[in-house]
Amino acid sequence: MPTTELLLGGVMMAALCLYAVFGGADFGGGVWDLFASGPRKAEQRALIEKAIGPIWEANHVWLILAIVILFAAFPTAYSAISIALHIPLTLFVVGVVFRGSAFTFRAYDDRNDRRQQRWGLLFSLASVVAPILLGVLAGTVASGEIHVVAGVVTSGYVAPWLAPFPIFVGLFALALFAYQAAVFLTAEADAAGAAELTSDFRQRALIAGALVGAVALVTFGLSFGAAPRISAGLTERPWTWPLHLATAAAATTAFSALWKRRFAVARFAVVAQTVLILLGWAASQYPYLLVPSHTLSSAAANPRTQGLLLIAIAAGSVLLFPSLYVLYRVFKGERPFRVLDRSKE
């Protein structure tokens, strides 16, 4: 029978996986908005807006859930992480706020107004910066460079997260989210019958997929010196090779499906690839929430608090999942894709 802290850790990890898939694809859409180019630049951005749609901010519910679990169920780990990494955490939140505000202002501003273009640029830049910071946070937590003595952070507030390993984890997160978004956008364009847009995003997806592999290799190489627990977990555990084979199979399937223009298969495979990557990170870091000082058990709140939190999550899910289904059904149903008039951009 799993312990309450293990159950809560599993729920937190599931929330992070859902955020990486849904929120990550939205961040990636902003990346491709920045790199929209060619004679179909306006159509590319219109498709991105249609794909993100009016439900995109709802994806942050998964990150909020993970943070609430960390705060309520593992308070000492939450305290150490939020103090040691308050600078990148604050920058990430600022990036998310700027991104959401800019996307809204761009959507409702005059299409031919120069301010609308500036809102678009801010939206795109924030979409690039935020996932990098998210990866930097994850890389720093896993690196073991945050030192806590008697509840006091002694490792400083800048050096741990500005090291090469966390930065490359950030670049890896950016590449992975852009890859997801390109695959999703390819499938959306294909479903809408927009053959030229399908080719545009298919080409971007193939490039981004190759970039994910290249950055992953560099990051893995850096982990041997900068995050030994992660490198050991990815090379020495009993589940190492089954995990690598499953991730490789998902990545190969996604790339092959893109090449053969089987976009529904590619979308499913890239989601599987993303989830397997995150599960590999979590399994490598287990049982630590913050390497090397806070494990699931050492950071856990009292059992009564954890039990009540599990009940609250179970009760909340009864409302959350049907609500999200209705939201997606209403706003992400079969709506025809119409290219907005942006000829004067």
Protein backbone atom coordinates (compact mmCIF):
# COMPACT_ATOMS: atom_id res chain seq x y z
CA MET A 1 0.00 0.00 0.00
CA PRO A 2 1.61 3.31 -1.06
CA THR A 3 2.10 5.93 1.62
CA THR A 4 0.17 9.20 1.56
CA GLU A 5 3.30 11.17 0.64
CA LEU A 6 3.95 8.82 -2.28
CA LEU A 7 0.34 9.20 -3.47
CA LEU A 8 0.58 12.98 -3.24
CA GLY A 9 3.93 12.94 -5.01
CA GLY A 10 2.33 10.90 -7.78
CA VAL A 11 -0.57 13.33 -8.12
CA MET A 12 1.87 16.25 -8.22
CA MET A 13 3.86 14.52 -10.95
CA ALA A 14 0.70 13.79 -12.94
CA ALA A 15 -0.23 17.48 -12.72
CA LEU A 16 3.22 18.47 -13.99
CA CYS A 17 2.89 16.02 -16.90
CA LEU A 18 -0.48 17.50 -17.85
CA TYR A 19 0.99 21.00 -17.63
CA ALA A 20 3.95 20.01 -19.80
CA VAL A 21 1.61 18.62 -22.46
CA PHE A 22 -1.14 21.25 -22.53
CA GLY A 23 0.64 24.31 -21.15
CA GLY A 24 3.83 23.35 -22.96
CA ALA A 25 2.06 23.24 -26.31
CA ASP A 26 0.64 26.70 -25.63
CA PHE A 27 4.10 28.06 -24.84
CA GLY A 28 5.36 26.43 -28.01
CA GLY A 29 2.60 28.12 -30.00
CA GLY A 30 4.00 31.45 -28.85
CA VAL A 31 7.45 30.36 -30.03
CA TRP A 32 6.15 29.70 -33.53
CA ASP A 33 4.24 32.97 -33.43
CA LEU A 34 7.62 34.67 -33.02
CA PHE A 35 9.12 32.71 -35.90
CA ALA A 36 6.15 33.05 -38.26
CA SER A 37 7.58 33.87 -41.67
CA GLY A 38 7.13 33.68 -45.40
CA PRO A 39 4.11 34.50 -47.54
CA ARG A 40 1.77 32.73 -45.07
CA LYS A 41 2.99 34.53 -41.94
CA ALA A 42 -0.45 35.96 -41.19
CA GLU A 43 -2.14 32.60 -41.74
CA GLN A 44 0.38 30.87 -39.46
CA ARG A 45 -0.36 33.31 -36.65
CA ALA A 46 -4.10 33.02 -37.23
CA LEU A 47 -3.87 29.22 -36.89
CA ILE A 48 -1.86 29.59 -33.68
CA GLU A 49 -4.52 31.90 -32.23
CA LYS A 50 -7.26 29.48 -33.23
CA ALA A 51 -5.37 26.55 -31.71
CA ILE A 52 -4.66 28.33 -28.43
CA GLY A 53 -8.17 29.73 -28.36
CA PRO A 54 -10.07 31.09 -25.38
CA ILE A 55 -9.26 28.12 -23.10
CA TRP A 56 -5.48 28.38 -23.05
CA GLU A 57 -5.19 30.01 -19.60
CA ALA A 58 -7.10 27.06 -18.13
CA ASN A 59 -3.98 24.96 -18.64
CA HIS A 60 -2.31 26.74 -15.74
CA VAL A 61 -4.65 24.85 -13.40
CA TRP A 62 -2.23 21.92 -13.54
CA LEU A 63 0.74 24.00 -12.44
CA ILE A 64 -1.33 25.59 -9.68
CA LEU A 65 -2.37 22.12 -8.49
CA ALA A 66 1.27 20.98 -8.35
CA ILE A 67 2.30 24.09 -6.40
CA VAL A 68 -0.59 23.73 -3.93
CA ILE A 69 0.36 20.09 -3.28
CA LEU A 70 4.00 21.07 -2.74
CA PHE A 71 2.96 23.88 -0.39
CA ALA A 72 0.44 21.89 1.66
CA ALA A 73 1.94 18.39 1.64
CA PHE A 74 5.69 19.13 1.60
CA PRO A 75 6.05 22.56 3.26
CA THR A 76 9.77 22.44 4.08
CA ALA A 77 10.65 21.59 0.47
CA TYR A 78 8.33 24.34 -0.75
CA SER A 79 10.01 26.82 1.59
CA ALA A 80 13.53 25.89 0.52
CA ILE A 81 12.73 25.94 -3.21
CA SER A 82 10.76 29.19 -3.12
CA ILE A 83 13.50 30.97 -1.15
CA ALA A 84 16.52 29.61 -3.03
CA LEU A 85 14.91 30.13 -6.46
CA HIS A 86 12.84 33.23 -5.80
CA ILE A 87 14.52 35.15 -8.64
CA PRO A 88 13.76 32.73 -11.52
CA LEU A 89 10.36 31.93 -9.97
CA THR A 90 9.44 35.61 -9.95
CA LEU A 91 10.68 36.06 -13.51
CA PHE A 92 8.65 33.04 -14.62
CA VAL A 93 5.47 34.42 -13.06
CA VAL A 94 6.11 37.84 -14.64
CA GLY A 95 6.61 36.12 -18.00
CA VAL A 96 3.33 34.20 -17.66
CA VAL A 97 1.43 37.38 -16.72
CA PHE A 98 2.95 39.39 -19.57
CA ARG A 99 2.24 36.56 -21.99
CA GLY A 100 -1.43 36.30 -21.04
CA SER A 101 -1.98 40.04 -21.02
CA ALA A 102 -0.22 40.56 -24.34
CA PHE A 103 -2.16 37.75 -26.01
CA THR A 104 -5.47 39.24 -24.85
CA PHE A 105 -4.58 42.81 -25.88
CA ARG A 106 -3.36 41.61 -29.27
CA ALA A 107 -6.54 39.64 -29.86
CA TYR A 108 -8.80 42.64 -29.19
CA ASP A 109 -6.67 45.51 -30.48
CA ASP A 110 -7.03 46.95 -33.97
CA ARG A 111 -5.40 44.50 -36.38
CA ASN A 112 -3.74 47.30 -38.31
CA ASP A 113 -2.50 49.14 -35.24
CA ARG A 114 1.25 49.14 -34.56
CA ARG A 115 0.46 48.58 -30.89
CA GLN A 116 -1.16 45.29 -31.86
CA GLN A 117 2.15 44.22 -33.38
CA ARG A 118 4.01 45.21 -30.22
CA TRP A 119 1.60 43.13 -28.11
CA GLY A 120 2.28 40.22 -30.44
CA LEU A 121 6.03 40.59 -30.01
CA LEU A 122 5.69 40.71 -26.21
CA PHE A 123 3.48 37.60 -26.28
CA SER A 124 6.03 35.73 -28.37
CA LEU A 125 9.08 36.77 -26.34
CA ALA A 126 7.37 35.84 -23.07
CA SER A 127 6.47 32.47 -24.62
CA VAL A 128 10.20 31.87 -25.20
CA VAL A 129 11.47 33.10 -21.85
CA ALA A 130 8.89 31.39 -19.59
CA PRO A 131 9.60 27.76 -20.62
CA ILE A 132 13.35 28.36 -20.39
CA LEU A 133 12.88 29.54 -16.80
CA LEU A 134 10.63 26.57 -16.07
CA GLY A 135 13.36 24.21 -17.24
CA VAL A 136 15.99 26.16 -15.31
CA LEU A 137 13.94 25.66 -12.14
CA ALA A 138 13.66 21.92 -12.72
CA GLY A 139 17.35 21.59 -13.56
CA THR A 140 18.43 23.49 -10.46
CA VAL A 141 16.20 21.42 -8.17
CA ALA A 142 17.72 18.23 -9.60
CA SER A 143 21.32 19.41 -9.65
CA GLY A 144 21.96 19.21 -5.90
CA GLU A 145 23.48 22.68 -5.85
CA ILE A 146 20.88 24.12 -3.46
CA HIS A 147 22.19 23.66 0.07
CA VAL A 148 19.95 24.10 3.11
CA VAL A 149 21.31 24.06 6.67
CA ALA A 150 18.81 24.16 9.56
CA GLY A 151 16.19 25.60 7.23
CA VAL A 152 18.48 28.33 5.89
CA VAL A 153 19.59 28.41 2.25
CA THR A 154 23.40 28.67 2.22
CA SER A 155 24.14 28.22 -1.47
CA GLY A 156 23.18 31.72 -2.62
CA TYR A 157 20.36 32.91 -4.84
CA VAL A 158 22.03 33.21 -8.26
CA ALA A 159 24.91 30.80 -8.86
CA PRO A 160 22.93 27.52 -8.59
CA TRP A 161 20.47 28.36 -11.38
CA LEU A 162 22.90 30.17 -13.68
CA ALA A 163 25.06 27.08 -14.10
CA PRO A 164 25.31 25.38 -17.53
CA PHE A 165 23.21 22.32 -16.60
CA PRO A 166 20.05 24.21 -15.52
CA ILE A 167 20.36 26.53 -18.51
CA PHE A 168 20.52 23.58 -20.91
CA VAL A 169 17.55 21.97 -19.17
CA GLY A 170 15.75 25.26 -19.85
CA LEU A 171 16.74 25.15 -23.52
CA PHE A 172 15.61 21.53 -23.66
CA ALA A 173 12.20 22.49 -22.24
CA LEU A 174 11.89 25.25 -24.84
CA ALA A 175 12.78 22.88 -27.69
CA LEU A 176 10.41 20.18 -26.43
CA PHE A 177 7.48 22.59 -26.05
CA ALA A 178 8.13 24.05 -29.51
CA TYR A 179 8.24 20.52 -30.94
CA GLN A 180 4.92 19.62 -29.32
CA ALA A 181 3.29 22.79 -30.58
CA ALA A 182 4.54 22.27 -34.13
CA VAL A 183 3.13 18.72 -34.17
CA PHE A 184 -0.21 19.88 -32.76
CA LEU A 185 -0.40 22.77 -35.22
CA THR A 186 0.42 20.44 -38.12
CA ALA A 187 -2.48 18.21 -37.12
CA GLU A 188 -4.82 21.20 -36.73
CA ALA A 189 -3.86 22.59 -40.13
CA ASP A 190 -4.36 19.19 -41.73
CA ALA A 191 -7.78 18.78 -40.10
CA ALA A 192 -8.76 22.21 -41.46
CA GLY A 193 -7.69 21.23 -44.97
CA ALA A 194 -5.00 23.93 -45.11
CA ALA A 195 -2.40 22.00 -47.09
CA GLU A 196 0.21 24.77 -47.30
CA LEU A 197 0.01 25.52 -43.57
CA THR A 198 0.30 21.80 -42.89
CA SER A 199 3.56 21.73 -44.84
CA ASP A 200 4.83 24.83 -43.02
CA PHE A 201 4.32 23.38 -39.55
CA ARG A 202 5.37 19.88 -40.57
CA GLN A 203 8.75 21.29 -41.61
CA ARG A 204 9.03 23.17 -38.32
CA ALA A 205 8.11 20.03 -36.37
CA LEU A 206 10.82 17.97 -38.08
CA ILE A 207 13.44 20.65 -37.36
CA ALA A 208 12.30 21.05 -33.75
CA GLY A 209 12.31 17.28 -33.22
CA ALA A 210 15.91 17.04 -34.36
CA LEU A 211 16.79 19.98 -32.09
CA VAL A 212 15.17 18.23 -29.10
CA GLY A 213 17.44 15.23 -29.65
CA ALA A 214 20.57 17.37 -29.97
CA VAL A 215 19.88 19.45 -26.84
CA ALA A 216 18.93 16.29 -24.91
CA LEU A 217 22.33 14.74 -25.67
CA VAL A 218 24.21 17.83 -24.49
CA THR A 219 22.08 18.07 -21.33
CA PHE A 220 22.58 14.37 -20.58
CA GLY A 221 26.32 14.77 -20.98
CA LEU A 222 26.37 17.74 -18.59
CA SER A 223 24.39 15.77 -15.98
CA PHE A 224 27.33 13.45 -15.25
CA GLY A 225 29.23 16.30 -13.64
CA ALA A 226 26.45 18.71 -12.66
CA ALA A 227 23.58 16.39 -11.63
CA PRO A 228 25.07 13.00 -10.74
CA ARG A 229 21.84 11.67 -9.25
CA ILE A 230 20.02 12.26 -12.53
CA SER A 231 22.79 10.71 -14.63
CA ALA A 232 22.94 7.71 -12.29
CA GLY A 233 19.19 7.32 -12.44
CA LEU A 234 19.25 7.38 -16.23
CA THR A 235 22.06 4.84 -16.52
CA GLU A 236 22.14 2.53 -13.48
CA ARG A 237 18.58 1.83 -12.31
CA PRO A 238 16.67 -1.38 -13.21
CA TRP A 239 14.10 0.63 -15.16
CA THR A 240 16.71 2.60 -17.13
CA TRP A 241 16.73 0.65 -20.37
CA PRO A 242 12.99 -0.05 -20.52
CA LEU A 243 12.42 3.69 -20.05
CA HIS A 244 14.97 4.63 -22.71
CA LEU A 245 13.52 2.11 -25.14
CA ALA A 246 9.97 3.37 -24.56
CA THR A 247 11.04 7.01 -24.97
CA ALA A 248 13.03 6.17 -28.10
CA ALA A 249 10.05 4.27 -29.51
CA ALA A 250 7.75 7.24 -28.89
CA ALA A 251 10.25 9.68 -30.42
CA THR A 252 10.82 7.46 -33.46
CA THR A 253 7.09 6.95 -33.93
CA ALA A 254 6.45 10.70 -33.78
CA PHE A 255 9.19 11.47 -36.30
CA SER A 256 8.18 8.65 -38.62
CA ALA A 257 4.51 9.63 -38.46
CA LEU A 258 5.40 13.22 -39.32
CA TRP A 259 7.48 12.06 -42.26
CA LYS A 260 4.63 9.84 -43.51
CA ARG A 261 2.04 12.55 -42.81
CA ARG A 262 0.14 10.51 -40.22
CA PHE A 263 -0.41 13.51 -38.02
CA ALA A 264 -2.88 12.01 -35.53
CA VAL A 265 -0.32 9.31 -34.71
CA ALA A 266 2.43 11.92 -34.43
CA ARG A 267 0.38 13.94 -31.95
CA PHE A 268 -0.22 10.91 -29.73
CA ALA A 269 3.45 9.86 -29.92
CA VAL A 270 4.84 13.29 -29.02
CA VAL A 271 2.58 13.41 -25.96
CA ALA A 272 3.87 9.99 -24.93
CA GLN A 273 7.45 11.15 -25.48
CA THR A 274 6.95 14.21 -23.27
CA VAL A 275 5.33 12.22 -20.46
CA LEU A 276 8.07 9.58 -20.55
CA ILE A 277 10.77 12.26 -20.36
CA LEU A 278 9.17 13.76 -17.26
CA LEU A 279 8.66 10.36 -15.65
CA GLY A 280 12.32 9.58 -16.24
CA TRP A 281 13.30 12.82 -14.51
CA ALA A 282 11.02 12.07 -11.54
CA ALA A 283 12.18 8.47 -11.21
CA SER A 284 15.83 9.51 -11.38
CA GLN A 285 15.33 12.10 -8.68
CA TYR A 286 13.20 9.84 -6.43
CA PRO A 287 12.88 9.94 -3.43
CA TYR A 288 14.11 13.56 -3.44
CA LEU A 289 11.94 16.61 -3.96
CA LEU A 290 15.01 18.83 -3.60
CA VAL A 291 18.36 17.13 -4.09
CA PRO A 292 20.12 16.43 -1.73
CA SER A 293 18.27 17.72 1.33
CA HIS A 294 14.52 17.05 1.08
CA THR A 295 12.95 13.67 0.36
CA LEU A 296 9.24 12.91 0.12
CA SER A 297 9.22 11.56 3.66
CA SER A 298 11.49 14.15 5.30
CA ALA A 299 9.57 17.09 3.80
CA ALA A 300 6.11 15.63 4.38
CA ALA A 301 3.49 17.42 6.45
CA ASN A 302 1.71 15.54 9.21
CA PRO A 303 -0.39 12.53 8.10
CA ARG A 304 -3.70 14.20 8.93
CA THR A 305 -2.93 17.15 6.67
CA GLN A 306 -1.89 14.81 3.87
CA GLY A 307 -5.04 12.72 4.28
CA LEU A 308 -7.28 15.77 4.15
CA LEU A 309 -5.42 17.02 1.08
CA LEU A 310 -6.00 13.72 -0.72
CA ILE A 311 -9.72 13.94 0.09
CA ALA A 312 -9.83 17.54 -1.18
CA ILE A 313 -8.09 16.55 -4.43
CA ALA A 314 -10.47 13.63 -4.96
CA ALA A 315 -13.51 15.85 -4.30
CA GLY A 316 -12.16 18.65 -6.48
CA SER A 317 -11.48 16.31 -9.40
CA VAL A 318 -15.19 15.48 -9.52
CA LEU A 319 -15.75 19.11 -10.50
CA LEU A 320 -12.49 19.82 -12.32
CA PHE A 321 -12.46 17.14 -15.00
CA PRO A 322 -16.09 17.54 -16.15
CA SER A 323 -15.64 21.33 -16.16
CA LEU A 324 -12.52 21.10 -18.32
CA TYR A 325 -14.28 18.66 -20.64
CA VAL A 326 -17.15 21.09 -21.13
CA LEU A 327 -14.73 23.97 -21.63
CA TYR A 328 -12.80 22.08 -24.30
CA ARG A 329 -15.99 20.82 -25.90
CA VAL A 330 -17.45 24.30 -26.18
CA PHE A 331 -14.37 26.21 -27.30
CA LYS A 332 -12.28 23.51 -29.00
CA GLY A 333 -15.02 21.71 -30.86
CA GLU A 334 -15.35 21.54 -34.59
CA ARG A 335 -14.91 25.21 -35.44
CA PRO A 336 -13.91 26.07 -39.02
CA PHE A 337 -10.52 27.69 -39.36
CA ARG A 338 -10.74 31.13 -40.92
CA VAL A 339 -7.68 33.14 -41.80
CA LEU A 340 -7.87 36.59 -40.28
CA ASP A 341 -7.24 39.58 -42.50
CA ARG A 342 -3.70 40.66 -41.62
CA SER A 343 -2.51 41.66 -45.02
CA LYS A 344 -1.26 44.99 -43.70
CA GLU A 345 1.01 43.51 -41.02
